[in-house]
Amino acid sequence: MRSLRSIPVLNCLWAMCLTVCLAGAAQAADRDRLEAFLEVTGFGVALDSIALSAADAPEMLGMSATDFGADWTIAANNVFDTDKMREMALDILEATLEDGLLIHAAEFYASPLGQRLVEVENSSHLVEDDAAKHAEGAALVDADVAEGAGRSEILRQLNQAVDASGTGVRAIQEIQVRFLMAASRSGVVELELDEATLRALLREDESELKRSLQAAGLAYSSYTYRDISKSDLRDYLAALENPKMQRVYELMNAVQYEITANRFEALAVKMAELHPGQEL
């Protein structure tokens, strides 16, 4: 699943066994089936990787992690606890993910191609150096364009398919607003803007943010799928453009965005306990 500490990647045989469990066994609890879904699709690792975003929180406030003292890392790890985030995801998915959609996605990701994709996606999530990933990916994009190889166009379509409704930009804006407002309410910073004004300012930069996200997404995908053939990428694209998979990704994106926003709000409250207020 697109979109981070090292965990074993499921092999194809075990993945197929998980798919059978997901598709059958009427006595199996919904929770168990969803937990299997997180593993076979790689979405569990994608959820775990949300924890890495905590490092960006101080910078969003014009500060640095050192401003919050020696307890910063412990506090951030507690707020972005991976077990808690997975439980939050399971709670949401229990109420929203239909069995037919769950089985459809699990069957694809349990296939040999699906598991190969999960392997490279998990590995990419686990690399913390975003700057290095972006630089290598951007270089691959430049080389592909120069050679006219056509991989970049397939990857662009892949990125579009996983966010067909185009919610990514607005979701990032919503996360920023919720975090900044929570930081203001908690006394971490003093905002001179009300929420409506803040949202209006963010909307002014929406086009630039969209372009930036598209460029970054293409570089990230080029890095992640650098060892996947064009033929396999085309098969992946076809799978992602299926209406059922589109609905699955709509739900997955919503889960990731909500958990990220929720955890940033919780982090703002915790930051207030670590450092006195500062004007922003």
C-alpha atoms as a PDB file:
ATOM      1  CA  MET A   1       0.000   0.000   0.000  1.00  0.00           C
ATOM      2  CA  ARG A   2       1.521   3.300  -1.108  1.00  0.00           C
ATOM      3  CA  SER A   3       1.640   6.281   0.802  1.00  0.00           C
ATOM      4  CA  LEU A   4       8.583   2.977   9.309  1.00  0.00           C
ATOM      5  CA  ARG A   5      10.818   0.965  11.298  1.00  0.00           C
ATOM      6  CA  SER A   6      12.004  -2.263   9.784  1.00  0.00           C
ATOM      7  CA  ILE A   7       9.553  -5.151   9.908  1.00  0.00           C
ATOM      8  CA  PRO A   8       9.629  -8.462   8.019  1.00  0.00           C
ATOM      9  CA  VAL A   9       8.074  -8.302   4.561  1.00  0.00           C
ATOM     10  CA  LEU A  10       5.480 -11.048   4.067  1.00  0.00           C
ATOM     11  CA  ASN A  11       6.455 -13.675   1.537  1.00  0.00           C
ATOM     12  CA  CYS A  12       3.961 -14.631  -1.146  1.00  0.00           C
ATOM     13  CA  LEU A  13       2.959 -17.934   0.457  1.00  0.00           C
ATOM     14  CA  TRP A  14       2.099 -16.327   3.781  1.00  0.00           C
ATOM     15  CA  ALA A  15       0.359 -13.482   1.970  1.00  0.00           C
ATOM     16  CA  MET A  16      -1.835 -15.955   0.100  1.00  0.00           C
ATOM     17  CA  CYS A  17      -2.737 -17.639   3.390  1.00  0.00           C
ATOM     18  CA  LEU A  18      -3.782 -14.257   4.746  1.00  0.00           C
ATOM     19  CA  THR A  19      -5.982 -13.692   1.726  1.00  0.00           C
ATOM     20  CA  VAL A  20      -7.758 -16.997   2.333  1.00  0.00           C
ATOM     21  CA  CYS A  21      -8.378 -15.943   5.937  1.00  0.00           C
ATOM     22  CA  LEU A  22      -9.726 -12.601   4.753  1.00  0.00           C
ATOM     23  CA  ALA A  23     -12.030 -14.142   2.196  1.00  0.00           C
ATOM     24  CA  GLY A  24     -13.373 -17.018   4.310  1.00  0.00           C
ATOM     25  CA  ALA A  25     -13.685 -18.263   7.886  1.00  0.00           C
ATOM     26  CA  ALA A  26     -17.011 -16.848   8.907  1.00  0.00           C
ATOM     27  CA  GLN A  27     -16.036 -17.252  12.544  1.00  0.00           C
ATOM     28  CA  ALA A  28     -13.097 -14.857  12.186  1.00  0.00           C
ATOM     29  CA  ALA A  29     -13.630 -11.495  13.867  1.00  0.00           C
ATOM     30  CA  ASP A  30     -13.738  -8.396  11.679  1.00  0.00           C
ATOM     31  CA  ARG A  31     -10.827  -7.007  13.679  1.00  0.00           C
ATOM     32  CA  ASP A  32      -8.669  -9.998  12.837  1.00  0.00           C
ATOM     33  CA  ARG A  33      -9.452  -9.691   9.153  1.00  0.00           C
ATOM     34  CA  LEU A  34      -8.597  -6.013   9.184  1.00  0.00           C
ATOM     35  CA  GLU A  35      -5.304  -6.661  10.959  1.00  0.00           C
ATOM     36  CA  ALA A  36      -4.455  -9.175   8.236  1.00  0.00           C
ATOM     37  CA  PHE A  37      -5.437  -6.563   5.666  1.00  0.00           C
ATOM     38  CA  LEU A  38      -2.941  -4.089   7.158  1.00  0.00           C
ATOM     39  CA  GLU A  39      -0.164  -6.629   6.780  1.00  0.00           C
ATOM     40  CA  VAL A  40      -0.869  -8.056   3.338  1.00  0.00           C
ATOM     41  CA  THR A  41      -1.328  -4.625   1.756  1.00  0.00           C
ATOM     42  CA  GLY A  42       1.556  -2.934   3.576  1.00  0.00           C
ATOM     43  CA  PHE A  43      -0.814  -0.281   4.914  1.00  0.00           C
ATOM     44  CA  GLY A  44       0.348  -1.038   8.442  1.00  0.00           C
ATOM     45  CA  VAL A  45       3.874   0.109   7.581  1.00  0.00           C
ATOM     46  CA  ALA A  46       2.475   3.208   5.892  1.00  0.00           C
ATOM     47  CA  LEU A  47       0.641   4.001   9.138  1.00  0.00           C
ATOM     48  CA  ASP A  48       3.802   3.420  11.169  1.00  0.00           C
ATOM     49  CA  SER A  49       5.646   5.884   8.935  1.00  0.00           C
ATOM     50  CA  ILE A  50       3.360   8.685  10.116  1.00  0.00           C
ATOM     51  CA  ALA A  51       5.554   8.760  13.221  1.00  0.00           C
ATOM     52  CA  LEU A  52       8.411  10.214  11.172  1.00  0.00           C
ATOM     53  CA  SER A  53       6.335  13.318  10.462  1.00  0.00           C
ATOM     54  CA  ALA A  54       6.649  14.343  14.127  1.00  0.00           C
ATOM     55  CA  ALA A  55      10.116  15.651  13.301  1.00  0.00           C
ATOM     56  CA  ASP A  56       8.490  18.360  11.147  1.00  0.00           C
ATOM     57  CA  ALA A  57       6.306  19.743  13.950  1.00  0.00           C
ATOM     58  CA  PRO A  58       8.734  22.262  15.508  1.00  0.00           C
ATOM     59  CA  GLU A  59       9.682  23.632  12.068  1.00  0.00           C
ATOM     60  CA  MET A  60       5.990  24.233  11.287  1.00  0.00           C
ATOM     61  CA  LEU A  61       6.003  26.573  14.302  1.00  0.00           C
ATOM     62  CA  GLY A  62       9.232  28.306  13.312  1.00  0.00           C
ATOM     63  CA  MET A  63      11.116  26.471  16.054  1.00  0.00           C
ATOM     64  CA  SER A  64      13.405  23.456  16.412  1.00  0.00           C
ATOM     65  CA  ALA A  65      13.312  20.253  18.431  1.00  0.00           C
ATOM     66  CA  THR A  66      16.030  21.609  20.739  1.00  0.00           C
ATOM     67  CA  ASP A  67      13.605  24.313  21.879  1.00  0.00           C
ATOM     68  CA  PHE A  68      11.586  21.608  23.613  1.00  0.00           C
ATOM     69  CA  GLY A  69      14.388  20.102  25.636  1.00  0.00           C
ATOM     70  CA  ALA A  70      15.684  16.603  26.222  1.00  0.00           C
ATOM     71  CA  ASP A  71      12.206  15.121  26.579  1.00  0.00           C
ATOM     72  CA  TRP A  72      11.163  16.022  23.021  1.00  0.00           C
ATOM     73  CA  THR A  73      11.954  12.648  21.467  1.00  0.00           C
ATOM     74  CA  ILE A  74      10.203  10.723  24.235  1.00  0.00           C
ATOM     75  CA  ALA A  75       7.120  12.941  24.034  1.00  0.00           C
ATOM     76  CA  ALA A  76       6.929  12.709  20.240  1.00  0.00           C
ATOM     77  CA  ASN A  77       7.330   8.937  20.306  1.00  0.00           C
ATOM     78  CA  ASN A  78       4.579   8.607  22.893  1.00  0.00           C
ATOM     79  CA  VAL A  79       2.137  10.711  20.873  1.00  0.00           C
ATOM     80  CA  PHE A  80       2.971   8.976  17.584  1.00  0.00           C
ATOM     81  CA  ASP A  81       2.915   5.505  19.120  1.00  0.00           C
ATOM     82  CA  THR A  82       2.603   3.070  16.219  1.00  0.00           C
ATOM     83  CA  ASP A  83       0.376   0.614  18.111  1.00  0.00           C
ATOM     84  CA  LYS A  84      -2.039   3.391  18.975  1.00  0.00           C
ATOM     85  CA  MET A  85      -2.136   4.649  15.395  1.00  0.00           C
ATOM     86  CA  ARG A  86      -2.885   1.169  14.099  1.00  0.00           C
ATOM     87  CA  GLU A  87      -5.699   0.808  16.613  1.00  0.00           C
ATOM     88  CA  MET A  88      -7.130   4.132  15.470  1.00  0.00           C
ATOM     89  CA  ALA A  89      -6.982   2.940  11.867  1.00  0.00           C
ATOM     90  CA  LEU A  90      -8.702  -0.322  12.718  1.00  0.00           C
ATOM     91  CA  ASP A  91     -11.469   1.550  14.538  1.00  0.00           C
ATOM     92  CA  ILE A  92     -12.170   3.650  11.446  1.00  0.00           C
ATOM     93  CA  LEU A  93     -11.880   0.775   8.991  1.00  0.00           C
ATOM     94  CA  GLU A  94     -14.244  -1.404  11.009  1.00  0.00           C
ATOM     95  CA  ALA A  95     -16.961   1.147  10.370  1.00  0.00           C
ATOM     96  CA  THR A  96     -16.132   1.982   6.745  1.00  0.00           C
ATOM     97  CA  LEU A  97     -14.362  -0.801   4.817  1.00  0.00           C
ATOM     98  CA  GLU A  98     -16.784  -3.219   3.174  1.00  0.00           C
ATOM     99  CA  ASP A  99     -15.829  -6.890   2.937  1.00  0.00           C
ATOM    100  CA  GLY A 100     -15.938  -6.867  -0.860  1.00  0.00           C
ATOM    101  CA  LEU A 101     -13.454  -4.003  -1.046  1.00  0.00           C
ATOM    102  CA  LEU A 102     -11.215  -5.555   1.604  1.00  0.00           C
ATOM    103  CA  ILE A 103     -11.060  -8.872  -0.273  1.00  0.00           C
ATOM    104  CA  HIS A 104     -10.473  -7.203  -3.644  1.00  0.00           C
ATOM    105  CA  ALA A 105      -7.456  -5.226  -2.399  1.00  0.00           C
ATOM    106  CA  ALA A 106      -6.050  -8.144  -0.392  1.00  0.00           C
ATOM    107  CA  GLU A 107      -6.203 -10.485  -3.377  1.00  0.00           C
ATOM    108  CA  PHE A 108      -4.173  -8.103  -5.523  1.00  0.00           C
ATOM    109  CA  TYR A 109      -1.549  -7.355  -2.881  1.00  0.00           C
ATOM    110  CA  ALA A 110      -1.216 -11.058  -2.025  1.00  0.00           C
ATOM    111  CA  SER A 111      -0.270 -11.846  -5.643  1.00  0.00           C
ATOM    112  CA  PRO A 112       3.430 -12.165  -6.580  1.00  0.00           C
ATOM    113  CA  LEU A 113       3.379  -8.691  -8.157  1.00  0.00           C
ATOM    114  CA  GLY A 114       1.451  -7.246  -5.234  1.00  0.00           C
ATOM    115  CA  GLN A 115       3.910  -8.596  -2.699  1.00  0.00           C
ATOM    116  CA  ARG A 116       6.881  -7.344  -4.720  1.00  0.00           C
ATOM    117  CA  LEU A 117       5.284  -3.883  -4.717  1.00  0.00           C
ATOM    118  CA  VAL A 118       4.606  -4.059  -0.972  1.00  0.00           C
ATOM    119  CA  GLU A 119       8.247  -5.037  -0.451  1.00  0.00           C
ATOM    120  CA  VAL A 120       9.650  -1.988  -2.251  1.00  0.00           C
ATOM    121  CA  GLU A 121       7.022   0.349  -0.777  1.00  0.00           C
ATOM    122  CA  ASN A 122       7.759  -0.836   2.767  1.00  0.00           C
ATOM    123  CA  SER A 123      11.483  -0.443   2.174  1.00  0.00           C
ATOM    124  CA  SER A 124      10.981   3.090   0.913  1.00  0.00           C
ATOM    125  CA  HIS A 125       8.837   3.999   3.943  1.00  0.00           C
ATOM    126  CA  LEU A 126      11.611   2.766   6.219  1.00  0.00           C
ATOM    127  CA  VAL A 127      14.228   5.152   4.755  1.00  0.00           C
ATOM    128  CA  GLU A 128      14.166   8.218   6.999  1.00  0.00           C
ATOM    129  CA  ASP A 129      16.348  10.478   4.830  1.00  0.00           C
ATOM    130  CA  ASP A 130      13.675  12.155   2.695  1.00  0.00           C
ATOM    131  CA  ALA A 131      16.218  14.530   1.152  1.00  0.00           C
ATOM    132  CA  ALA A 132      18.301  11.641  -0.125  1.00  0.00           C
ATOM    133  CA  LYS A 133      15.246   9.829  -1.492  1.00  0.00           C
ATOM    134  CA  HIS A 134      14.063  12.976  -3.249  1.00  0.00           C
ATOM    135  CA  ALA A 135      17.475  13.707  -4.741  1.00  0.00           C
ATOM    136  CA  GLU A 136      17.920  10.173  -6.099  1.00  0.00           C
ATOM    137  CA  GLY A 137      14.349  10.047  -7.353  1.00  0.00           C
ATOM    138  CA  ALA A 138      14.604  13.439  -9.065  1.00  0.00           C
ATOM    139  CA  ALA A 139      17.795  12.320 -10.799  1.00  0.00           C
ATOM    140  CA  LEU A 140      15.996   9.212 -12.049  1.00  0.00           C
ATOM    141  CA  VAL A 141      13.163  11.369 -13.388  1.00  0.00           C
ATOM    142  CA  ASP A 142      15.614  13.637 -15.217  1.00  0.00           C
ATOM    143  CA  ALA A 143      17.389  10.652 -16.747  1.00  0.00           C
ATOM    144  CA  ASP A 144      14.109   9.074 -17.825  1.00  0.00           C
ATOM    145  CA  VAL A 145      12.913  12.271 -19.480  1.00  0.00           C
ATOM    146  CA  ALA A 146      16.264  12.724 -21.250  1.00  0.00           C
ATOM    147  CA  GLU A 147      16.146   9.154 -22.580  1.00  0.00           C
ATOM    148  CA  GLY A 148      12.457   9.286 -23.437  1.00  0.00           C
ATOM    149  CA  ALA A 149      11.966   5.975 -21.617  1.00  0.00           C
ATOM    150  CA  GLY A 150       8.415   6.777 -20.532  1.00  0.00           C
ATOM    151  CA  ARG A 151       8.595   5.501 -16.936  1.00  0.00           C
ATOM    152  CA  SER A 152       7.889   8.941 -15.501  1.00  0.00           C
ATOM    153  CA  GLU A 153       4.557   9.190 -17.299  1.00  0.00           C
ATOM    154  CA  ILE A 154       3.438   5.828 -15.919  1.00  0.00           C
ATOM    155  CA  LEU A 155       4.506   6.898 -12.429  1.00  0.00           C
ATOM    156  CA  ARG A 156       2.650  10.187 -12.804  1.00  0.00           C
ATOM    157  CA  GLN A 157      -0.499   8.243 -13.645  1.00  0.00           C
ATOM    158  CA  LEU A 158       0.105   5.944 -10.667  1.00  0.00           C
ATOM    159  CA  ASN A 159       0.288   8.921  -8.339  1.00  0.00           C
ATOM    160  CA  GLN A 160      -2.888  10.331  -9.802  1.00  0.00           C
ATOM    161  CA  ALA A 161      -4.662   6.981  -9.376  1.00  0.00           C
ATOM    162  CA  VAL A 162      -3.921   6.772  -5.639  1.00  0.00           C
ATOM    163  CA  ASP A 163      -5.472  10.221  -5.114  1.00  0.00           C
ATOM    164  CA  ALA A 164      -8.077  10.300  -7.868  1.00  0.00           C
ATOM    165  CA  SER A 165     -10.296  12.695  -5.924  1.00  0.00           C
ATOM    166  CA  GLY A 166      -7.418  15.157  -5.463  1.00  0.00           C
ATOM    167  CA  THR A 167      -7.786  15.449  -1.695  1.00  0.00           C
ATOM    168  CA  GLY A 168      -4.065  15.485  -0.906  1.00  0.00           C
ATOM    169  CA  VAL A 169      -3.531  19.244  -1.047  1.00  0.00           C
ATOM    170  CA  ARG A 170      -6.597  20.067   1.033  1.00  0.00           C
ATOM    171  CA  ALA A 171      -5.698  17.345   3.523  1.00  0.00           C
ATOM    172  CA  ILE A 172      -2.247  18.825   4.095  1.00  0.00           C
ATOM    173  CA  GLN A 173      -3.807  22.238   4.592  1.00  0.00           C
ATOM    174  CA  GLU A 174      -6.258  20.779   7.099  1.00  0.00           C
ATOM    175  CA  ILE A 175      -3.455  19.117   9.041  1.00  0.00           C
ATOM    176  CA  GLN A 176      -1.563  22.421   9.176  1.00  0.00           C
ATOM    177  CA  VAL A 177      -4.604  24.335  10.359  1.00  0.00           C
ATOM    178  CA  ARG A 178      -5.529  21.825  13.039  1.00  0.00           C
ATOM    179  CA  PHE A 179      -1.960  21.693  14.331  1.00  0.00           C
ATOM    180  CA  LEU A 180      -1.423  25.449  14.369  1.00  0.00           C
ATOM    181  CA  MET A 181      -4.761  26.117  16.038  1.00  0.00           C
ATOM    182  CA  ALA A 182      -4.091  23.434  18.648  1.00  0.00           C
ATOM    183  CA  ALA A 183      -0.631  24.910  19.288  1.00  0.00           C
ATOM    184  CA  SER A 184      -2.216  28.339  19.712  1.00  0.00           C
ATOM    185  CA  ARG A 185      -4.899  27.080  22.096  1.00  0.00           C
ATOM    186  CA  SER A 186      -2.247  25.233  24.112  1.00  0.00           C
ATOM    187  CA  GLY A 187      -0.070  28.318  24.421  1.00  0.00           C
ATOM    188  CA  VAL A 188       2.887  26.925  22.479  1.00  0.00           C
ATOM    189  CA  VAL A 189       2.675  29.885  20.095  1.00  0.00           C
ATOM    190  CA  GLU A 190       0.622  33.047  19.804  1.00  0.00           C
ATOM    191  CA  LEU A 191      -1.157  33.300  16.482  1.00  0.00           C
ATOM    192  CA  GLU A 192      -2.234  36.724  15.293  1.00  0.00           C
ATOM    193  CA  LEU A 193      -4.542  35.062  12.759  1.00  0.00           C
ATOM    194  CA  ASP A 194      -7.922  33.519  13.366  1.00  0.00           C
ATOM    195  CA  GLU A 195      -8.754  30.163  11.788  1.00  0.00           C
ATOM    196  CA  ALA A 196     -10.677  31.618   8.854  1.00  0.00           C
ATOM    197  CA  THR A 197      -7.812  33.947   7.929  1.00  0.00           C
ATOM    198  CA  LEU A 198      -5.281  31.150   8.251  1.00  0.00           C
ATOM    199  CA  ARG A 199      -7.303  28.942   5.899  1.00  0.00           C
ATOM    200  CA  ALA A 200      -7.610  31.796   3.398  1.00  0.00           C
ATOM    201  CA  LEU A 201      -3.845  32.348   3.417  1.00  0.00           C
ATOM    202  CA  LEU A 202      -3.184  28.676   2.822  1.00  0.00           C
ATOM    203  CA  ARG A 203      -5.618  28.640  -0.086  1.00  0.00           C
ATOM    204  CA  GLU A 204      -3.640  31.434  -1.747  1.00  0.00           C
ATOM    205  CA  ASP A 205      -0.646  29.081  -1.989  1.00  0.00           C
ATOM    206  CA  GLU A 206      -2.726  26.078  -3.059  1.00  0.00           C
ATOM    207  CA  SER A 207      -1.545  25.994  -6.668  1.00  0.00           C
ATOM    208  CA  GLU A 208       2.111  26.174  -5.694  1.00  0.00           C
ATOM    209  CA  LEU A 209       1.603  23.478  -3.051  1.00  0.00           C
ATOM    210  CA  LYS A 210      -0.059  21.230  -5.631  1.00  0.00           C
ATOM    211  CA  ARG A 211       2.854  21.621  -8.049  1.00  0.00           C
ATOM    212  CA  SER A 212       5.337  20.958  -5.270  1.00  0.00           C
ATOM    213  CA  LEU A 213       3.506  17.839  -4.147  1.00  0.00           C
ATOM    214  CA  GLN A 214       3.293  16.495  -7.693  1.00  0.00           C
ATOM    215  CA  ALA A 215       7.017  16.981  -8.249  1.00  0.00           C
ATOM    216  CA  ALA A 216       7.901  15.437  -4.904  1.00  0.00           C
ATOM    217  CA  GLY A 217       5.501  12.557  -5.504  1.00  0.00           C
ATOM    218  CA  LEU A 218       7.050  11.780  -8.871  1.00  0.00           C
ATOM    219  CA  ALA A 219      10.557  11.806  -7.410  1.00  0.00           C
ATOM    220  CA  TYR A 220       9.437   9.607  -4.515  1.00  0.00           C
ATOM    221  CA  SER A 221       7.768   7.100  -6.857  1.00  0.00           C
ATOM    222  CA  SER A 222      10.812   7.018  -9.144  1.00  0.00           C
ATOM    223  CA  TYR A 223      12.944   6.125  -6.134  1.00  0.00           C
ATOM    224  CA  THR A 224      10.504   3.588  -4.709  1.00  0.00           C
ATOM    225  CA  TYR A 225       9.829   1.705  -7.949  1.00  0.00           C
ATOM    226  CA  ARG A 226      13.293   2.049  -9.498  1.00  0.00           C
ATOM    227  CA  ASP A 227      13.688  -1.748  -9.732  1.00  0.00           C
ATOM    228  CA  ILE A 228      10.144  -2.454 -10.978  1.00  0.00           C
ATOM    229  CA  SER A 229       9.762  -3.026 -14.721  1.00  0.00           C
ATOM    230  CA  LYS A 230       7.589  -0.806 -16.910  1.00  0.00           C
ATOM    231  CA  SER A 231       5.377  -3.785 -17.673  1.00  0.00           C
ATOM    232  CA  ASP A 232       4.748  -4.412 -13.984  1.00  0.00           C
ATOM    233  CA  LEU A 233       4.128  -0.714 -13.402  1.00  0.00           C
ATOM    234  CA  ARG A 234       1.480  -0.757 -16.132  1.00  0.00           C
ATOM    235  CA  ASP A 235      -0.170  -3.759 -14.447  1.00  0.00           C
ATOM    236  CA  TYR A 236      -0.092  -1.885 -11.142  1.00  0.00           C
ATOM    237  CA  LEU A 237      -1.691   1.133 -12.763  1.00  0.00           C
ATOM    238  CA  ALA A 238      -4.475  -1.010 -14.183  1.00  0.00           C
ATOM    239  CA  ALA A 239      -5.098  -2.482 -10.724  1.00  0.00           C
ATOM    240  CA  LEU A 240      -5.165   0.956  -9.075  1.00  0.00           C
ATOM    241  CA  GLU A 241      -7.610   2.343 -11.645  1.00  0.00           C
ATOM    242  CA  ASN A 242     -10.169  -0.354 -10.837  1.00  0.00           C
ATOM    243  CA  PRO A 243     -13.203   1.347  -9.195  1.00  0.00           C
ATOM    244  CA  LYS A 244     -13.001  -0.967  -6.173  1.00  0.00           C
ATOM    245  CA  MET A 245      -9.350  -0.150  -5.595  1.00  0.00           C
ATOM    246  CA  GLN A 246     -10.124   3.539  -6.052  1.00  0.00           C
ATOM    247  CA  ARG A 247     -12.618   3.301  -3.199  1.00  0.00           C
ATOM    248  CA  VAL A 248     -10.109   1.425  -1.035  1.00  0.00           C
ATOM    249  CA  TYR A 249      -7.510   4.137  -1.565  1.00  0.00           C
ATOM    250  CA  GLU A 250     -10.047   6.855  -0.864  1.00  0.00           C
ATOM    251  CA  LEU A 251     -10.602   5.247   2.534  1.00  0.00           C
ATOM    252  CA  MET A 252      -6.900   4.617   3.151  1.00  0.00           C
ATOM    253  CA  ASN A 253      -6.036   8.224   2.376  1.00  0.00           C
ATOM    254  CA  ALA A 254      -8.795   9.479   4.664  1.00  0.00           C
ATOM    255  CA  VAL A 255      -7.543   7.246   7.484  1.00  0.00           C
ATOM    256  CA  GLN A 256      -3.958   8.441   7.106  1.00  0.00           C
ATOM    257  CA  TYR A 257      -4.935  12.105   6.966  1.00  0.00           C
ATOM    258  CA  GLU A 258      -7.234  11.891   9.989  1.00  0.00           C
ATOM    259  CA  ILE A 259      -4.711  10.031  12.124  1.00  0.00           C
ATOM    260  CA  THR A 260      -1.949  12.463  11.153  1.00  0.00           C
ATOM    261  CA  ALA A 261      -4.092  15.495  12.025  1.00  0.00           C
ATOM    262  CA  ASN A 262      -5.259  13.897  15.280  1.00  0.00           C
ATOM    263  CA  ARG A 263      -1.719  13.077  16.378  1.00  0.00           C
ATOM    264  CA  PHE A 264      -0.430  16.553  15.509  1.00  0.00           C
ATOM    265  CA  GLU A 265      -3.183  18.065  17.639  1.00  0.00           C
ATOM    266  CA  ALA A 266      -2.196  15.775  20.512  1.00  0.00           C
ATOM    267  CA  LEU A 267       1.456  16.685  19.988  1.00  0.00           C
ATOM    268  CA  ALA A 268       0.636  20.396  20.274  1.00  0.00           C
ATOM    269  CA  VAL A 269      -0.841  19.790  23.712  1.00  0.00           C
ATOM    270  CA  LYS A 270       2.233  17.813  24.764  1.00  0.00           C
ATOM    271  CA  MET A 271       4.582  20.509  23.402  1.00  0.00           C
ATOM    272  CA  ALA A 272       2.979  23.044  25.749  1.00  0.00           C
ATOM    273  CA  GLU A 273       4.178  20.939  28.676  1.00  0.00           C
ATOM    274  CA  LEU A 274       7.742  20.946  27.371  1.00  0.00           C
ATOM    275  CA  HIS A 275       8.286  24.624  26.533  1.00  0.00           C
ATOM    276  CA  PRO A 276       6.769  28.025  27.368  1.00  0.00           C
ATOM    277  CA  GLY A 277       4.864  29.994  24.728  1.00  0.00           C
ATOM    278  CA  GLN A 278       6.554  31.952  21.972  1.00  0.00           C
ATOM    279  CA  GLU A 279       5.195  34.457  19.485  1.00  0.00           C
ATOM    280  CA  LEU A 280       4.807  33.221  15.919  1.00  0.00           C
END
